[in-house]
Amino acid sequence: MWQRNNGQAEDDLQFRFTAYLVSAVKRRRKDYLIQLYKRNSIESAVEAVYESEPSSEEV
């Protein structure tokens, strides 16, 4: 069955692609921020351990 292209199908496809792209970017941004938060919390925990241990100069 052939239908005349009135441009609406292309607009619908573009809207769907744009929505997909926006959701993918939001998801990746969220994953990046979670990863960054985890990395920073681990680094601060490691720094706290090193600061609490006596150094060889103090012993």
N, C-alpha and C. Protein backbone atom coordinates (compact mmCIF):
# COMPACT_ATOMS: atom_id res chain seq x y z
N MET A 1 0.85 -1.17 0.00
CA MET A 1 0.00 0.00 0.00
C MET A 1 0.89 1.23 0.00
N TRP A 2 0.64 2.10 -0.93
CA TRP A 2 1.46 3.30 -1.08
C TRP A 2 0.71 4.50 -0.54
N GLN A 3 1.42 5.33 0.23
CA GLN A 3 0.81 6.56 0.74
C GLN A 3 1.68 7.73 0.33
N ARG A 4 1.02 8.81 0.09
CA ARG A 4 1.74 10.02 -0.29
C ARG A 4 2.47 10.57 0.94
N ASN A 5 3.69 11.02 0.74
CA ASN A 5 4.50 11.57 1.83
C ASN A 5 4.10 13.03 2.05
N ASN A 6 3.47 13.28 3.18
CA ASN A 6 3.09 14.65 3.48
C ASN A 6 4.07 15.30 4.46
N GLY A 7 5.15 14.60 4.79
CA GLY A 7 6.16 15.16 5.68
C GLY A 7 5.92 14.86 7.14
N GLN A 8 4.73 14.40 7.47
CA GLN A 8 4.41 14.15 8.87
C GLN A 8 5.17 12.94 9.41
N ALA A 9 5.33 11.91 8.59
CA ALA A 9 6.05 10.72 9.04
C ALA A 9 7.50 11.07 9.35
N GLU A 10 8.10 11.92 8.55
CA GLU A 10 9.47 12.33 8.81
C GLU A 10 9.57 13.12 10.10
N ASP A 11 8.58 13.98 10.35
CA ASP A 11 8.56 14.74 11.60
C ASP A 11 8.42 13.81 12.80
N ASP A 12 7.53 12.82 12.68
CA ASP A 12 7.36 11.86 13.77
C ASP A 12 8.65 11.10 14.04
N LEU A 13 9.32 10.69 12.98
CA LEU A 13 10.58 9.98 13.13
C LEU A 13 11.63 10.88 13.78
N GLN A 14 11.68 12.13 13.36
CA GLN A 14 12.63 13.06 13.95
C GLN A 14 12.32 13.29 15.43
N PHE A 15 11.05 13.42 15.78
CA PHE A 15 10.67 13.61 17.18
C PHE A 15 11.05 12.39 18.02
N ARG A 16 10.82 11.21 17.47
CA ARG A 16 11.18 9.98 18.20
C ARG A 16 12.69 9.90 18.39
N PHE A 17 13.44 10.22 17.34
CA PHE A 17 14.90 10.17 17.45
C PHE A 17 15.40 11.20 18.45
N THR A 18 14.83 12.41 18.41
CA THR A 18 15.24 13.45 19.35
C THR A 18 14.93 13.03 20.78
N ALA A 19 13.77 12.44 21.01
CA ALA A 19 13.42 11.97 22.35
C ALA A 19 14.38 10.87 22.80
N TYR A 20 14.73 9.96 21.89
CA TYR A 20 15.68 8.90 22.20
C TYR A 20 17.04 9.50 22.55
N LEU A 21 17.48 10.45 21.77
CA LEU A 21 18.78 11.07 21.99
C LEU A 21 18.82 11.82 23.32
N VAL A 22 17.76 12.55 23.64
CA VAL A 22 17.69 13.29 24.91
C VAL A 22 17.73 12.32 26.08
N SER A 23 16.97 11.23 26.00
CA SER A 23 16.96 10.27 27.10
C SER A 23 18.32 9.58 27.23
N ALA A 24 18.98 9.29 26.12
CA ALA A 24 20.30 8.66 26.18
C ALA A 24 21.33 9.59 26.82
N VAL A 25 21.28 10.87 26.48
CA VAL A 25 22.21 11.83 27.06
C VAL A 25 21.95 12.00 28.55
N LYS A 26 20.68 12.07 28.94
CA LYS A 26 20.35 12.19 30.37
C LYS A 26 20.83 10.97 31.15
N ARG A 27 20.61 9.78 30.57
CA ARG A 27 21.03 8.55 31.24
C ARG A 27 22.55 8.50 31.38
N ARG A 28 23.27 8.88 30.34
CA ARG A 28 24.73 8.86 30.39
C ARG A 28 25.25 9.90 31.37
N ARG A 29 24.62 11.07 31.43
CA ARG A 29 25.02 12.11 32.37
C ARG A 29 24.82 11.64 33.80
N LYS A 30 23.68 10.98 34.05
CA LYS A 30 23.39 10.45 35.39
C LYS A 30 24.43 9.40 35.77
N ASP A 31 24.74 8.48 34.85
CA ASP A 31 25.74 7.45 35.12
C ASP A 31 27.11 8.07 35.38
N TYR A 32 27.47 9.10 34.62
CA TYR A 32 28.75 9.77 34.81
C TYR A 32 28.82 10.43 36.18
N LEU A 33 27.75 11.12 36.58
CA LEU A 33 27.76 11.80 37.87
C LEU A 33 27.81 10.80 39.03
N ILE A 34 27.12 9.67 38.89
CA ILE A 34 27.20 8.63 39.92
C ILE A 34 28.61 8.09 40.01
N GLN A 35 29.22 7.83 38.87
CA GLN A 35 30.59 7.32 38.84
C GLN A 35 31.55 8.33 39.47
N LEU A 36 31.38 9.60 39.16
CA LEU A 36 32.23 10.64 39.71
C LEU A 36 32.05 10.74 41.23
N TYR A 37 30.81 10.66 41.69
CA TYR A 37 30.53 10.71 43.13
C TYR A 37 31.19 9.54 43.84
N LYS A 38 31.07 8.33 43.27
CA LYS A 38 31.69 7.15 43.89
C LYS A 38 33.20 7.30 43.94
N ARG A 39 33.79 7.79 42.85
CA ARG A 39 35.24 7.95 42.80
C ARG A 39 35.70 8.96 43.84
N ASN A 40 35.00 10.08 43.96
CA ASN A 40 35.38 11.10 44.94
C ASN A 40 35.20 10.61 46.36
N SER A 41 34.16 9.83 46.64
CA SER A 41 33.95 9.33 47.99
C SER A 41 35.02 8.30 48.35
N ILE A 42 35.45 7.49 47.38
CA ILE A 42 36.51 6.53 47.65
C ILE A 42 37.83 7.26 47.90
N GLU A 43 38.12 8.27 47.08
CA GLU A 43 39.36 9.02 47.26
C GLU A 43 39.38 9.72 48.61
N SER A 44 38.28 10.29 49.04
CA SER A 44 38.26 10.98 50.32
C SER A 44 38.39 9.97 51.46
N ALA A 45 37.85 8.76 51.30
CA ALA A 45 38.00 7.73 52.34
C ALA A 45 39.46 7.29 52.42
N VAL A 46 40.12 7.16 51.30
CA VAL A 46 41.53 6.76 51.29
C VAL A 46 42.38 7.86 51.92
N GLU A 47 42.09 9.11 51.61
CA GLU A 47 42.84 10.21 52.22
C GLU A 47 42.64 10.23 53.72
N ALA A 48 41.45 9.93 54.20
CA ALA A 48 41.19 9.92 55.64
C ALA A 48 41.99 8.81 56.31
N VAL A 49 42.13 7.67 55.66
CA VAL A 49 42.91 6.57 56.22
C VAL A 49 44.38 6.97 56.29
N TYR A 50 44.91 7.56 55.24
CA TYR A 50 46.30 7.96 55.24
C TYR A 50 46.57 9.05 56.27
N GLU A 51 45.64 9.95 56.48
CA GLU A 51 45.83 11.02 57.44
C GLU A 51 45.75 10.50 58.87
N SER A 52 45.00 9.44 59.12
CA SER A 52 44.84 8.94 60.48
C SER A 52 45.98 8.01 60.89
N GLU A 53 46.69 7.42 59.93
CA GLU A 53 47.81 6.55 60.27
C GLU A 53 49.04 7.40 60.60
N PRO A 54 49.79 7.01 61.63
CA PRO A 54 51.01 7.77 61.94
C PRO A 54 52.07 7.52 60.87
N SER A 55 52.78 8.54 60.53
CA SER A 55 53.82 8.39 59.53
C SER A 55 55.07 7.83 60.19
N SER A 56 56.02 7.40 59.38
CA SER A 56 57.25 6.81 59.92
C SER A 56 58.09 7.87 60.62
N GLU A 57 57.91 9.14 60.28
CA GLU A 57 58.66 10.21 60.92
C GLU A 57 58.16 10.48 62.33
N GLU A 58 56.87 10.24 62.59
CA GLU A 58 56.30 10.52 63.89
C GLU A 58 56.58 9.40 64.89
N VAL A 59 56.89 8.20 64.43
CA VAL A 59 57.08 7.06 65.33
C VAL A 59 58.43 7.06 65.92
